[in-house]
Amino acid sequence: MDTLSYKTKSANKETVERKWYVVDAEGEVVGRLCSQIATVLRGKNKPSYTPHFDAGDYVIVINADKVRFTGKKWEQKEYITFSGYPSGQKRVKASKLHSQKNYAVIENAVKGMLPKNTLGRQMFKKLFVYAGSEHPHEAQNPEPLKF
């Protein structure tokens, strides 16, 4: 009698295939775009998703300076950092952060959607955000990613 084998396959270093994707952020809403990017970085869009292993793909975001928020978030949304020292809390409005570092809005949003541990930091290193429409990753032959 033939026995059936139903074994769960976990992704590992030998079995994972990583791809490179390019995302054009022009005119996209920040939260909706970044949640999709975080899904690709984690590898949740693949059938071989394993929670304890980084099986995600590389993502290149271009035109990060042309993203948009809905409502009055440009004036009302604040990014808060704390140095750990007394009176070391800093608040920056989204519009000011975008004018200083236009890639930081997308980076902060994606980083907040990834796990807060070593695995999440490893996933975040596969994100590359550029303000213009040019990027230095042509050698990897990235595919355009549409959501």
C-alpha atoms as a PDB file:
ATOM      1  CA  MET A   1       0.000   0.000   0.000  1.00  0.00           C
ATOM      2  CA  ASP A   2       1.316   3.417  -0.954  1.00  0.00           C
ATOM      3  CA  THR A   3       1.621   5.874   1.916  1.00  0.00           C
ATOM      4  CA  LEU A   4       0.885   9.536   1.443  1.00  0.00           C
ATOM      5  CA  SER A   5       3.247  12.085   2.827  1.00  0.00           C
ATOM      6  CA  TYR A   6       1.814  15.397   3.986  1.00  0.00           C
ATOM      7  CA  LYS A   7       4.809  17.221   5.332  1.00  0.00           C
ATOM      8  CA  THR A   8       4.923  20.946   5.840  1.00  0.00           C
ATOM      9  CA  LYS A   9       7.814  22.478   3.986  1.00  0.00           C
ATOM     10  CA  SER A  10       9.583  25.359   5.664  1.00  0.00           C
ATOM     11  CA  ALA A  11      11.608  27.849   3.674  1.00  0.00           C
ATOM     12  CA  ASN A  12      15.335  27.838   4.360  1.00  0.00           C
ATOM     13  CA  LYS A  13      18.541  29.270   2.929  1.00  0.00           C
ATOM     14  CA  GLU A  14      18.792  26.617   0.209  1.00  0.00           C
ATOM     15  CA  THR A  15      15.183  26.711  -1.009  1.00  0.00           C
ATOM     16  CA  VAL A  16      14.368  30.425  -1.012  1.00  0.00           C
ATOM     17  CA  GLU A  17      14.449  32.361  -4.296  1.00  0.00           C
ATOM     18  CA  ARG A  18      14.735  36.110  -3.923  1.00  0.00           C
ATOM     19  CA  LYS A  19      13.577  38.481  -6.658  1.00  0.00           C
ATOM     20  CA  TRP A  20      14.083  42.209  -7.114  1.00  0.00           C
ATOM     21  CA  TYR A  21      11.062  44.460  -7.614  1.00  0.00           C
ATOM     22  CA  VAL A  22      10.704  48.144  -8.519  1.00  0.00           C
ATOM     23  CA  VAL A  23       7.750  50.100  -7.150  1.00  0.00           C
ATOM     24  CA  ASP A  24       6.841  53.516  -8.539  1.00  0.00           C
ATOM     25  CA  ALA A  25       5.442  55.550  -5.637  1.00  0.00           C
ATOM     26  CA  GLU A  26       4.280  58.516  -7.697  1.00  0.00           C
ATOM     27  CA  GLY A  27       0.794  59.565  -6.569  1.00  0.00           C
ATOM     28  CA  GLU A  28       0.385  56.585  -4.224  1.00  0.00           C
ATOM     29  CA  VAL A  29      -1.062  56.853  -0.713  1.00  0.00           C
ATOM     30  CA  VAL A  30       1.691  56.164   1.829  1.00  0.00           C
ATOM     31  CA  GLY A  31      -0.088  53.674   4.104  1.00  0.00           C
ATOM     32  CA  ARG A  32      -1.587  51.540   1.362  1.00  0.00           C
ATOM     33  CA  LEU A  33       1.669  51.435  -0.584  1.00  0.00           C
ATOM     34  CA  CYS A  34       3.833  50.624   2.434  1.00  0.00           C
ATOM     35  CA  SER A  35       1.609  47.801   3.663  1.00  0.00           C
ATOM     36  CA  GLN A  36       2.013  46.079   0.285  1.00  0.00           C
ATOM     37  CA  ILE A  37       5.783  46.675   0.361  1.00  0.00           C
ATOM     38  CA  ALA A  38       6.011  45.208   3.867  1.00  0.00           C
ATOM     39  CA  THR A  39       4.132  42.113   2.676  1.00  0.00           C
ATOM     40  CA  VAL A  40       6.656  41.556  -0.116  1.00  0.00           C
ATOM     41  CA  LEU A  41       9.628  42.188   2.211  1.00  0.00           C
ATOM     42  CA  ARG A  42       8.314  39.582   4.680  1.00  0.00           C
ATOM     43  CA  GLY A  43       7.597  37.070   1.921  1.00  0.00           C
ATOM     44  CA  LYS A  44       3.920  36.728   2.784  1.00  0.00           C
ATOM     45  CA  ASN A  45       3.026  36.901  -0.902  1.00  0.00           C
ATOM     46  CA  LYS A  46       4.786  33.559  -1.517  1.00  0.00           C
ATOM     47  CA  PRO A  47       3.358  30.093  -0.887  1.00  0.00           C
ATOM     48  CA  SER A  48       6.594  29.161   0.908  1.00  0.00           C
ATOM     49  CA  TYR A  49       6.111  31.813   3.640  1.00  0.00           C
ATOM     50  CA  THR A  50       7.712  30.799   6.918  1.00  0.00           C
ATOM     51  CA  PRO A  51       7.287  33.138   9.922  1.00  0.00           C
ATOM     52  CA  HIS A  52      10.677  32.412  11.492  1.00  0.00           C
ATOM     53  CA  PHE A  53      12.728  32.814   8.284  1.00  0.00           C
ATOM     54  CA  ASP A  54      13.322  35.809   6.034  1.00  0.00           C
ATOM     55  CA  ALA A  55      12.026  34.559   2.674  1.00  0.00           C
ATOM     56  CA  GLY A  56      11.083  37.983   1.309  1.00  0.00           C
ATOM     57  CA  ASP A  57      12.184  39.757  -1.829  1.00  0.00           C
ATOM     58  CA  TYR A  58      14.137  42.951  -2.436  1.00  0.00           C
ATOM     59  CA  VAL A  59      12.089  46.100  -3.081  1.00  0.00           C
ATOM     60  CA  ILE A  60      13.290  49.308  -4.748  1.00  0.00           C
ATOM     61  CA  VAL A  61      10.992  52.317  -4.353  1.00  0.00           C
ATOM     62  CA  ILE A  62      11.421  55.168  -6.825  1.00  0.00           C
ATOM     63  CA  ASN A  63       9.753  58.606  -6.864  1.00  0.00           C
ATOM     64  CA  ALA A  64       9.435  58.576  -3.075  1.00  0.00           C
ATOM     65  CA  ASP A  65       9.213  62.372  -3.110  1.00  0.00           C
ATOM     66  CA  LYS A  66       5.860  62.194  -4.967  1.00  0.00           C
ATOM     67  CA  VAL A  67       3.850  60.151  -2.452  1.00  0.00           C
ATOM     68  CA  ARG A  68       0.716  61.563  -0.885  1.00  0.00           C
ATOM     69  CA  PHE A  69      -1.278  61.384   2.322  1.00  0.00           C
ATOM     70  CA  THR A  70      -5.052  61.533   2.593  1.00  0.00           C
ATOM     71  CA  GLY A  71      -6.833  64.172   4.608  1.00  0.00           C
ATOM     72  CA  LYS A  72      -4.782  66.678   6.611  1.00  0.00           C
ATOM     73  CA  LYS A  73      -1.968  64.291   7.516  1.00  0.00           C
ATOM     74  CA  TRP A  74       0.732  66.525   5.987  1.00  0.00           C
ATOM     75  CA  GLU A  75       0.003  69.126   8.691  1.00  0.00           C
ATOM     76  CA  GLN A  76      -1.257  66.895  11.528  1.00  0.00           C
ATOM     77  CA  LYS A  77       0.840  63.708  11.437  1.00  0.00           C
ATOM     78  CA  GLU A  78       3.904  63.792  13.711  1.00  0.00           C
ATOM     79  CA  TYR A  79       6.914  61.513  13.893  1.00  0.00           C
ATOM     80  CA  ILE A  80       8.213  61.222  17.460  1.00  0.00           C
ATOM     81  CA  THR A  81      11.726  60.169  18.449  1.00  0.00           C
ATOM     82  CA  PHE A  82      13.175  59.869  21.943  1.00  0.00           C
ATOM     83  CA  SER A  83      16.882  59.893  22.762  1.00  0.00           C
ATOM     84  CA  GLY A  84      16.491  58.436  26.249  1.00  0.00           C
ATOM     85  CA  TYR A  85      17.657  61.605  27.980  1.00  0.00           C
ATOM     86  CA  PRO A  86      15.439  64.041  29.900  1.00  0.00           C
ATOM     87  CA  SER A  87      13.647  66.367  27.456  1.00  0.00           C
ATOM     88  CA  GLY A  88      15.052  64.249  24.615  1.00  0.00           C
ATOM     89  CA  GLN A  89      11.755  63.855  22.794  1.00  0.00           C
ATOM     90  CA  LYS A  90      11.571  65.381  19.313  1.00  0.00           C
ATOM     91  CA  ARG A  91       8.479  65.822  17.185  1.00  0.00           C
ATOM     92  CA  VAL A  92       8.577  66.456  13.449  1.00  0.00           C
ATOM     93  CA  LYS A  93       5.569  67.112  11.230  1.00  0.00           C
ATOM     94  CA  ALA A  94       5.204  64.934   8.147  1.00  0.00           C
ATOM     95  CA  SER A  95       5.558  67.897   5.780  1.00  0.00           C
ATOM     96  CA  LYS A  96       8.837  69.014   7.393  1.00  0.00           C
ATOM     97  CA  LEU A  97      10.280  65.490   7.419  1.00  0.00           C
ATOM     98  CA  HIS A  98       9.300  65.081   3.767  1.00  0.00           C
ATOM     99  CA  SER A  99      10.990  68.342   2.807  1.00  0.00           C
ATOM    100  CA  GLN A 100      14.213  67.395   4.668  1.00  0.00           C
ATOM    101  CA  LYS A 101      14.430  63.677   3.827  1.00  0.00           C
ATOM    102  CA  ASN A 102      11.761  62.739   1.311  1.00  0.00           C
ATOM    103  CA  TYR A 103      12.588  59.028   1.562  1.00  0.00           C
ATOM    104  CA  ALA A 104      12.101  58.905   5.357  1.00  0.00           C
ATOM    105  CA  VAL A 105       8.290  58.920   5.227  1.00  0.00           C
ATOM    106  CA  ILE A 106       8.218  55.610   3.344  1.00  0.00           C
ATOM    107  CA  GLU A 107      11.049  54.110   5.416  1.00  0.00           C
ATOM    108  CA  ASN A 108       9.305  54.952   8.713  1.00  0.00           C
ATOM    109  CA  ALA A 109       5.995  53.527   7.513  1.00  0.00           C
ATOM    110  CA  VAL A 110       7.492  50.249   6.258  1.00  0.00           C
ATOM    111  CA  LYS A 111       9.702  49.836   9.335  1.00  0.00           C
ATOM    112  CA  GLY A 112       6.649  50.182  11.572  1.00  0.00           C
ATOM    113  CA  MET A 113       4.912  47.367   9.675  1.00  0.00           C
ATOM    114  CA  LEU A 114       7.758  44.852  10.034  1.00  0.00           C
ATOM    115  CA  PRO A 115       8.508  42.723  13.119  1.00  0.00           C
ATOM    116  CA  LYS A 116      10.347  44.509  15.933  1.00  0.00           C
ATOM    117  CA  ASN A 117      13.205  42.035  16.278  1.00  0.00           C
ATOM    118  CA  THR A 118      16.380  40.857  14.538  1.00  0.00           C
ATOM    119  CA  LEU A 119      14.364  39.283  11.740  1.00  0.00           C
ATOM    120  CA  GLY A 120      12.537  42.550  11.066  1.00  0.00           C
ATOM    121  CA  ARG A 121      15.796  44.485  10.899  1.00  0.00           C
ATOM    122  CA  GLN A 122      17.127  41.924   8.421  1.00  0.00           C
ATOM    123  CA  MET A 123      13.991  42.349   6.275  1.00  0.00           C
ATOM    124  CA  PHE A 124      14.274  46.142   6.385  1.00  0.00           C
ATOM    125  CA  LYS A 125      17.758  45.986   4.850  1.00  0.00           C
ATOM    126  CA  LYS A 126      16.183  44.689   1.629  1.00  0.00           C
ATOM    127  CA  LEU A 127      14.310  47.975   1.107  1.00  0.00           C
ATOM    128  CA  PHE A 128      15.895  50.679  -1.054  1.00  0.00           C
ATOM    129  CA  VAL A 129      14.101  54.041  -1.319  1.00  0.00           C
ATOM    130  CA  TYR A 130      15.067  56.769  -3.813  1.00  0.00           C
ATOM    131  CA  ALA A 131      13.560  60.217  -4.281  1.00  0.00           C
ATOM    132  CA  GLY A 132      14.013  60.397  -8.060  1.00  0.00           C
ATOM    133  CA  SER A 133      13.174  57.996 -10.834  1.00  0.00           C
ATOM    134  CA  GLU A 134      16.746  56.634 -11.108  1.00  0.00           C
ATOM    135  CA  HIS A 135      18.271  53.839  -9.017  1.00  0.00           C
ATOM    136  CA  PRO A 136      21.677  52.078  -9.090  1.00  0.00           C
ATOM    137  CA  HIS A 137      20.262  48.518  -9.110  1.00  0.00           C
ATOM    138  CA  GLU A 138      19.904  47.915 -12.857  1.00  0.00           C
ATOM    139  CA  ALA A 139      22.322  44.963 -12.703  1.00  0.00           C
ATOM    140  CA  GLN A 140      19.793  42.977 -10.624  1.00  0.00           C
ATOM    141  CA  ASN A 141      17.164  43.237 -13.402  1.00  0.00           C
ATOM    142  CA  PRO A 142      14.280  44.294 -11.143  1.00  0.00           C
ATOM    143  CA  GLU A 143      10.732  43.593 -12.255  1.00  0.00           C
ATOM    144  CA  PRO A 144       8.033  46.264 -11.950  1.00  0.00           C
ATOM    145  CA  LEU A 145       5.590  45.478  -9.134  1.00  0.00           C
ATOM    146  CA  LYS A 146       1.984  46.622  -9.474  1.00  0.00           C
ATOM    147  CA  PHE A 147      -0.526  46.480  -6.650  1.00  0.00           C
END
